[in-house]
Amino acid sequence: MTNVFVYIFQGKYTGKSEYEYANPDVGAIHKCILYLSQDSKENQFEYAELEIRKYGFNEIENMRGNPLDVEVLNTESFKGFVGFYQEALEEGSCLVYYPNT
């Protein structure tokens, strides 16, 4: 069974992403959320860090992870996160960064 975990962290964008996305400026530091599809029901910090680096981030700090409770996505407060969840299921991961942190 596939699980989606949410890994929250802060990192510095290097400009060396393996993925095409609306990436931040090189050298910028941002708080981010990685939605990661994984078979395990446990945190996999090493796997998450490898995926974060594929998005072009290093100097990863304050990483914490939790399984995503799918039922939460049915609430008004979290319905905007459904697309990130779906992308993680379809593509394996999805990264969201928050500018100006």
N, C-alpha and C. Protein backbone atom coordinates (compact mmCIF):
# COMPACT_ATOMS: atom_id res chain seq x y z
N MET A 1 0.83 -1.18 0.00
CA MET A 1 0.00 0.00 0.00
C MET A 1 0.87 1.25 0.00
N THR A 2 0.50 2.19 -0.81
CA THR A 2 1.27 3.43 -0.90
C THR A 2 0.77 4.43 0.14
N ASN A 3 1.71 5.05 0.81
CA ASN A 3 1.43 6.09 1.79
C ASN A 3 2.05 7.39 1.31
N VAL A 4 1.42 8.49 1.64
CA VAL A 4 2.02 9.79 1.35
C VAL A 4 2.40 10.41 2.68
N PHE A 5 3.67 10.75 2.79
CA PHE A 5 4.19 11.43 3.98
C PHE A 5 4.46 12.88 3.63
N VAL A 6 4.37 13.71 4.63
CA VAL A 6 4.66 15.13 4.49
C VAL A 6 5.92 15.42 5.29
N TYR A 7 6.94 15.93 4.60
CA TYR A 7 8.19 16.30 5.25
C TYR A 7 8.34 17.82 5.17
N ILE A 8 8.42 18.44 6.32
CA ILE A 8 8.57 19.89 6.40
C ILE A 8 10.02 20.19 6.74
N PHE A 9 10.59 21.19 6.06
CA PHE A 9 12.00 21.52 6.27
C PHE A 9 12.27 22.93 5.79
N GLN A 10 13.47 23.38 6.07
CA GLN A 10 13.99 24.63 5.50
C GLN A 10 15.24 24.29 4.73
N GLY A 11 15.41 24.89 3.56
CA GLY A 11 16.58 24.59 2.75
C GLY A 11 16.96 25.73 1.83
N LYS A 12 18.13 25.59 1.25
CA LYS A 12 18.67 26.60 0.33
C LYS A 12 18.61 26.05 -1.09
N TYR A 13 18.06 26.84 -2.02
CA TYR A 13 17.94 26.38 -3.40
C TYR A 13 19.27 26.58 -4.13
N THR A 14 19.78 25.50 -4.73
CA THR A 14 21.08 25.53 -5.39
C THR A 14 21.02 25.86 -6.88
N GLY A 15 19.83 25.68 -7.48
CA GLY A 15 19.70 25.89 -8.92
C GLY A 15 19.93 24.63 -9.72
N LYS A 16 20.22 23.53 -9.06
CA LYS A 16 20.54 22.28 -9.73
C LYS A 16 19.42 21.26 -9.51
N SER A 17 18.26 21.54 -10.09
CA SER A 17 17.11 20.67 -9.93
C SER A 17 17.04 19.65 -11.06
N GLU A 18 16.64 18.44 -10.71
CA GLU A 18 16.41 17.40 -11.72
C GLU A 18 14.98 17.48 -12.26
N TYR A 19 14.16 18.31 -11.64
CA TYR A 19 12.76 18.44 -12.03
C TYR A 19 12.49 19.85 -12.55
N GLU A 20 11.56 19.95 -13.47
CA GLU A 20 11.12 21.25 -13.94
C GLU A 20 9.94 21.69 -13.11
N TYR A 21 10.06 22.84 -12.49
CA TYR A 21 8.97 23.43 -11.72
C TYR A 21 9.27 24.91 -11.55
N ALA A 22 8.32 25.65 -11.02
CA ALA A 22 8.52 27.08 -10.78
C ALA A 22 9.45 27.24 -9.59
N ASN A 23 10.74 27.10 -9.87
CA ASN A 23 11.73 27.08 -8.80
C ASN A 23 12.07 28.48 -8.28
N PRO A 24 12.57 28.54 -7.06
CA PRO A 24 12.96 29.83 -6.46
C PRO A 24 14.29 30.33 -7.03
N ASP A 25 14.68 31.51 -6.59
CA ASP A 25 15.96 32.08 -7.00
C ASP A 25 17.11 31.28 -6.39
N VAL A 26 18.19 31.17 -7.14
CA VAL A 26 19.38 30.46 -6.65
C VAL A 26 19.90 31.16 -5.40
N GLY A 27 20.18 30.37 -4.39
CA GLY A 27 20.71 30.89 -3.13
C GLY A 27 19.64 31.27 -2.12
N ALA A 28 18.38 31.26 -2.54
CA ALA A 28 17.29 31.63 -1.64
C ALA A 28 17.04 30.52 -0.63
N ILE A 29 16.68 30.92 0.58
CA ILE A 29 16.36 29.98 1.65
C ILE A 29 14.85 30.01 1.86
N HIS A 30 14.25 28.83 1.89
CA HIS A 30 12.79 28.73 2.00
C HIS A 30 12.37 27.62 2.94
N LYS A 31 11.22 27.82 3.55
CA LYS A 31 10.54 26.72 4.23
C LYS A 31 9.79 25.97 3.14
N CYS A 32 9.78 24.64 3.24
CA CYS A 32 9.21 23.81 2.20
C CYS A 32 8.44 22.64 2.79
N ILE A 33 7.59 22.07 1.95
CA ILE A 33 6.90 20.82 2.26
C ILE A 33 7.13 19.87 1.10
N LEU A 34 7.61 18.69 1.42
CA LEU A 34 7.75 17.63 0.43
C LEU A 34 6.66 16.60 0.70
N TYR A 35 5.84 16.35 -0.30
CA TYR A 35 4.85 15.27 -0.25
C TYR A 35 5.51 14.09 -0.93
N LEU A 36 5.68 12.99 -0.21
CA LEU A 36 6.46 11.87 -0.71
C LEU A 36 5.67 10.57 -0.62
N SER A 37 5.51 9.92 -1.75
CA SER A 37 4.87 8.62 -1.82
C SER A 37 5.89 7.56 -1.42
N GLN A 38 5.52 6.71 -0.48
CA GLN A 38 6.44 5.68 -0.01
C GLN A 38 5.66 4.47 0.46
N ASP A 39 6.29 3.31 0.39
CA ASP A 39 5.65 2.07 0.80
C ASP A 39 5.62 1.92 2.32
N SER A 40 6.60 2.48 2.97
CA SER A 40 6.73 2.35 4.42
C SER A 40 5.70 3.21 5.15
N LYS A 41 5.32 2.76 6.34
CA LYS A 41 4.44 3.54 7.21
C LYS A 41 5.25 4.31 8.25
N GLU A 42 6.55 4.31 8.08
CA GLU A 42 7.47 5.00 8.99
C GLU A 42 8.16 6.14 8.24
N ASN A 43 8.62 7.12 8.99
CA ASN A 43 9.40 8.20 8.38
C ASN A 43 10.62 7.61 7.70
N GLN A 44 10.93 8.13 6.54
CA GLN A 44 12.13 7.73 5.80
C GLN A 44 12.92 9.00 5.47
N PHE A 45 13.60 9.53 6.48
CA PHE A 45 14.27 10.81 6.33
C PHE A 45 15.37 10.79 5.26
N GLU A 46 16.11 9.70 5.17
CA GLU A 46 17.18 9.63 4.15
C GLU A 46 16.59 9.65 2.75
N TYR A 47 15.53 8.91 2.53
CA TYR A 47 14.83 8.90 1.24
C TYR A 47 14.27 10.29 0.93
N ALA A 48 13.67 10.92 1.93
CA ALA A 48 13.12 12.27 1.75
C ALA A 48 14.23 13.26 1.39
N GLU A 49 15.36 13.16 2.07
CA GLU A 49 16.46 14.08 1.78
C GLU A 49 16.99 13.89 0.37
N LEU A 50 17.08 12.68 -0.10
CA LEU A 50 17.50 12.43 -1.49
C LEU A 50 16.54 13.09 -2.47
N GLU A 51 15.26 12.98 -2.20
CA GLU A 51 14.26 13.58 -3.08
C GLU A 51 14.32 15.10 -3.01
N ILE A 52 14.52 15.64 -1.84
CA ILE A 52 14.63 17.10 -1.68
C ILE A 52 15.81 17.62 -2.49
N ARG A 53 16.91 16.91 -2.47
CA ARG A 53 18.09 17.31 -3.25
C ARG A 53 17.81 17.27 -4.75
N LYS A 54 16.95 16.36 -5.20
CA LYS A 54 16.57 16.31 -6.61
C LYS A 54 15.80 17.57 -7.01
N TYR A 55 15.14 18.18 -6.07
CA TYR A 55 14.44 19.45 -6.32
C TYR A 55 15.38 20.64 -6.25
N GLY A 56 16.64 20.38 -5.94
CA GLY A 56 17.65 21.44 -5.95
C GLY A 56 17.91 22.10 -4.62
N PHE A 57 17.50 21.51 -3.53
CA PHE A 57 17.72 22.11 -2.21
C PHE A 57 18.83 21.39 -1.47
N ASN A 58 19.62 22.16 -0.73
CA ASN A 58 20.61 21.61 0.19
C ASN A 58 20.53 22.41 1.48
N GLU A 59 21.50 22.24 2.34
CA GLU A 59 21.49 22.89 3.67
C GLU A 59 20.13 22.68 4.33
N ILE A 60 19.68 21.45 4.31
CA ILE A 60 18.37 21.08 4.83
C ILE A 60 18.40 21.10 6.36
N GLU A 61 17.46 21.82 6.94
CA GLU A 61 17.40 21.97 8.39
C GLU A 61 15.98 21.73 8.90
N ASN A 62 15.90 21.36 10.16
CA ASN A 62 14.63 21.24 10.88
C ASN A 62 13.62 20.34 10.17
N MET A 63 14.08 19.25 9.57
CA MET A 63 13.16 18.37 8.87
C MET A 63 12.40 17.51 9.87
N ARG A 64 11.11 17.45 9.64
CA ARG A 64 10.25 16.55 10.40
C ARG A 64 9.24 15.95 9.42
N GLY A 65 8.76 14.78 9.72
CA GLY A 65 7.86 14.10 8.81
C GLY A 65 6.71 13.43 9.53
N ASN A 66 5.59 13.36 8.81
CA ASN A 66 4.40 12.70 9.33
C ASN A 66 3.62 12.11 8.17
N PRO A 67 2.92 11.02 8.42
CA PRO A 67 2.04 10.50 7.38
C PRO A 67 0.89 11.48 7.16
N LEU A 68 0.47 11.63 5.93
CA LEU A 68 -0.64 12.51 5.60
C LEU A 68 -1.94 11.77 5.87
N ASP A 69 -2.77 12.34 6.70
CA ASP A 69 -4.09 11.79 6.98
C ASP A 69 -5.02 12.23 5.86
N VAL A 70 -5.36 11.32 4.98
CA VAL A 70 -6.15 11.64 3.79
C VAL A 70 -7.49 12.27 4.14
N GLU A 71 -8.06 11.88 5.26
CA GLU A 71 -9.35 12.43 5.67
C GLU A 71 -9.29 13.95 5.88
N VAL A 72 -8.13 14.45 6.27
CA VAL A 72 -7.95 15.88 6.48
C VAL A 72 -8.19 16.65 5.18
N LEU A 73 -7.90 16.03 4.05
CA LEU A 73 -8.06 16.70 2.75
C LEU A 73 -9.53 16.95 2.41
N ASN A 74 -10.43 16.33 3.14
CA ASN A 74 -11.86 16.54 2.92
C ASN A 74 -12.39 17.75 3.69
N THR A 75 -11.56 18.35 4.51
CA THR A 75 -12.00 19.51 5.28
C THR A 75 -11.78 20.79 4.50
N GLU A 76 -12.55 21.79 4.83
CA GLU A 76 -12.48 23.09 4.15
C GLU A 76 -11.07 23.69 4.25
N SER A 77 -10.44 23.56 5.39
CA SER A 77 -9.12 24.16 5.62
C SER A 77 -8.02 23.54 4.76
N PHE A 78 -8.17 22.27 4.38
CA PHE A 78 -7.09 21.57 3.70
C PHE A 78 -7.42 21.12 2.28
N LYS A 79 -8.58 21.48 1.76
CA LYS A 79 -8.94 21.01 0.42
C LYS A 79 -7.99 21.54 -0.65
N GLY A 80 -7.31 22.63 -0.40
CA GLY A 80 -6.34 23.18 -1.34
C GLY A 80 -5.08 22.33 -1.48
N PHE A 81 -4.89 21.37 -0.61
CA PHE A 81 -3.71 20.51 -0.63
C PHE A 81 -3.93 19.21 -1.40
N VAL A 82 -5.14 19.00 -1.88
CA VAL A 82 -5.48 17.76 -2.58
C VAL A 82 -4.58 17.56 -3.81
N GLY A 83 -4.32 18.61 -4.56
CA GLY A 83 -3.48 18.51 -5.76
C GLY A 83 -2.07 18.04 -5.44
N PHE A 84 -1.51 18.50 -4.34
CA PHE A 84 -0.16 18.08 -3.94
C PHE A 84 -0.15 16.59 -3.61
N TYR A 85 -1.18 16.16 -2.90
CA TYR A 85 -1.33 14.75 -2.55
C TYR A 85 -1.42 13.90 -3.82
N GLN A 86 -2.27 14.32 -4.75
CA GLN A 86 -2.46 13.57 -5.99
C GLN A 86 -1.18 13.52 -6.81
N GLU A 87 -0.45 14.63 -6.86
CA GLU A 87 0.81 14.64 -7.61
C GLU A 87 1.82 13.67 -6.98
N ALA A 88 1.86 13.64 -5.66
CA ALA A 88 2.77 12.70 -4.99
C ALA A 88 2.41 11.26 -5.32
N LEU A 89 1.13 10.96 -5.38
CA LEU A 89 0.71 9.60 -5.74
C LEU A 89 1.07 9.27 -7.19
N GLU A 90 0.85 10.22 -8.09
CA GLU A 90 1.08 9.98 -9.52
C GLU A 90 2.55 10.05 -9.92
N GLU A 91 3.28 11.02 -9.35
CA GLU A 91 4.66 11.26 -9.77
C GLU A 91 5.70 10.77 -8.77
N GLY A 92 5.27 10.43 -7.57
CA GLY A 92 6.19 9.98 -6.55
C GLY A 92 6.50 11.02 -5.50
N SER A 93 6.42 12.30 -5.90
CA SER A 93 6.67 13.38 -4.94
C SER A 93 6.14 14.70 -5.48
N CYS A 94 6.06 15.64 -4.58
CA CYS A 94 5.66 17.00 -4.93
C CYS A 94 6.29 17.92 -3.89
N LEU A 95 6.88 19.01 -4.34
CA LEU A 95 7.51 19.95 -3.41
C LEU A 95 6.84 21.30 -3.51
N VAL A 96 6.55 21.88 -2.36
CA VAL A 96 5.99 23.22 -2.28
C VAL A 96 6.95 24.05 -1.44
N TYR A 97 7.37 25.20 -1.96
CA TYR A 97 8.20 26.09 -1.16
C TYR A 97 7.44 27.38 -0.89
N TYR A 98 7.76 27.98 0.23
CA TYR A 98 7.09 29.20 0.64
C TYR A 98 8.08 30.36 0.53
N PRO A 99 7.82 31.26 -0.43
CA PRO A 99 8.74 32.38 -0.66
C PRO A 99 8.87 33.30 0.55
N ASN A 100 9.96 34.02 0.56
CA ASN A 100 10.21 35.06 1.55
C ASN A 100 10.27 34.55 2.97
N THR A 101 10.87 33.39 3.16
CA THR A 101 11.05 32.92 4.54
C THR A 101 12.50 33.15 4.85
